[in-house]
């Protein structure tokens, strides 16, 4: 993937609401790098903070790279704040990885990904299904963020969320993300619902 990784390195991202007001940050750090057959396995620690810089969630997920593509645990793509909906439930997640080819090109269609979760809180059960679909490389752009200026690929996708507890709820989002071959994570991400900007994240530090 063209990215050199070592334990303890990582990224910090700032999140903004629809009005451009900072409302939190996310920190990703490499916990462990190992080999499993042809794959390099990267174990990442992930922590989110609210606008008062209070820790909201700590999690760990894995990435796999084999030189041709990177496979990302779909649970890492959950929008910031959504985890608050599950904090009272004992949830178990399974995923179909999000795949990024090592060599992106404009016009390229990327594979779908998905995340399934189920759990309970006393007598109440919950299921959640999230699909990441219509993923396409739309173009190339030079993007400037607090961490610097990067040549990026612009990737659009749709995210469909179906949750069921006592009631069933369906939500549809669209995402525009900007990826650089030199950075493991998105340089910038914009989230939309019904064509309206809901929030933005930007790369603020390379740790």
Foldseek 3Di string as FASTA:
>chain_A
DQEDDDFFWWFKKWKAFLVRHTFWIKIKTFHDWDDDVLKIKTKIWMWIATPVRHTDDIDIFIWIDRPFKIWGFCVVVPDPPPVVVCPQWPKDKDKATFMDTLDDDAFDWGDKMKMWMWTARVPKIKIKIKIKDPKGFHAWDWDQDQAGIATWTKIKIKMWMWMDIPHIDIFIKIKIFTDHSHDPDTQKMWIGGPRRTGMMMHTNHTD
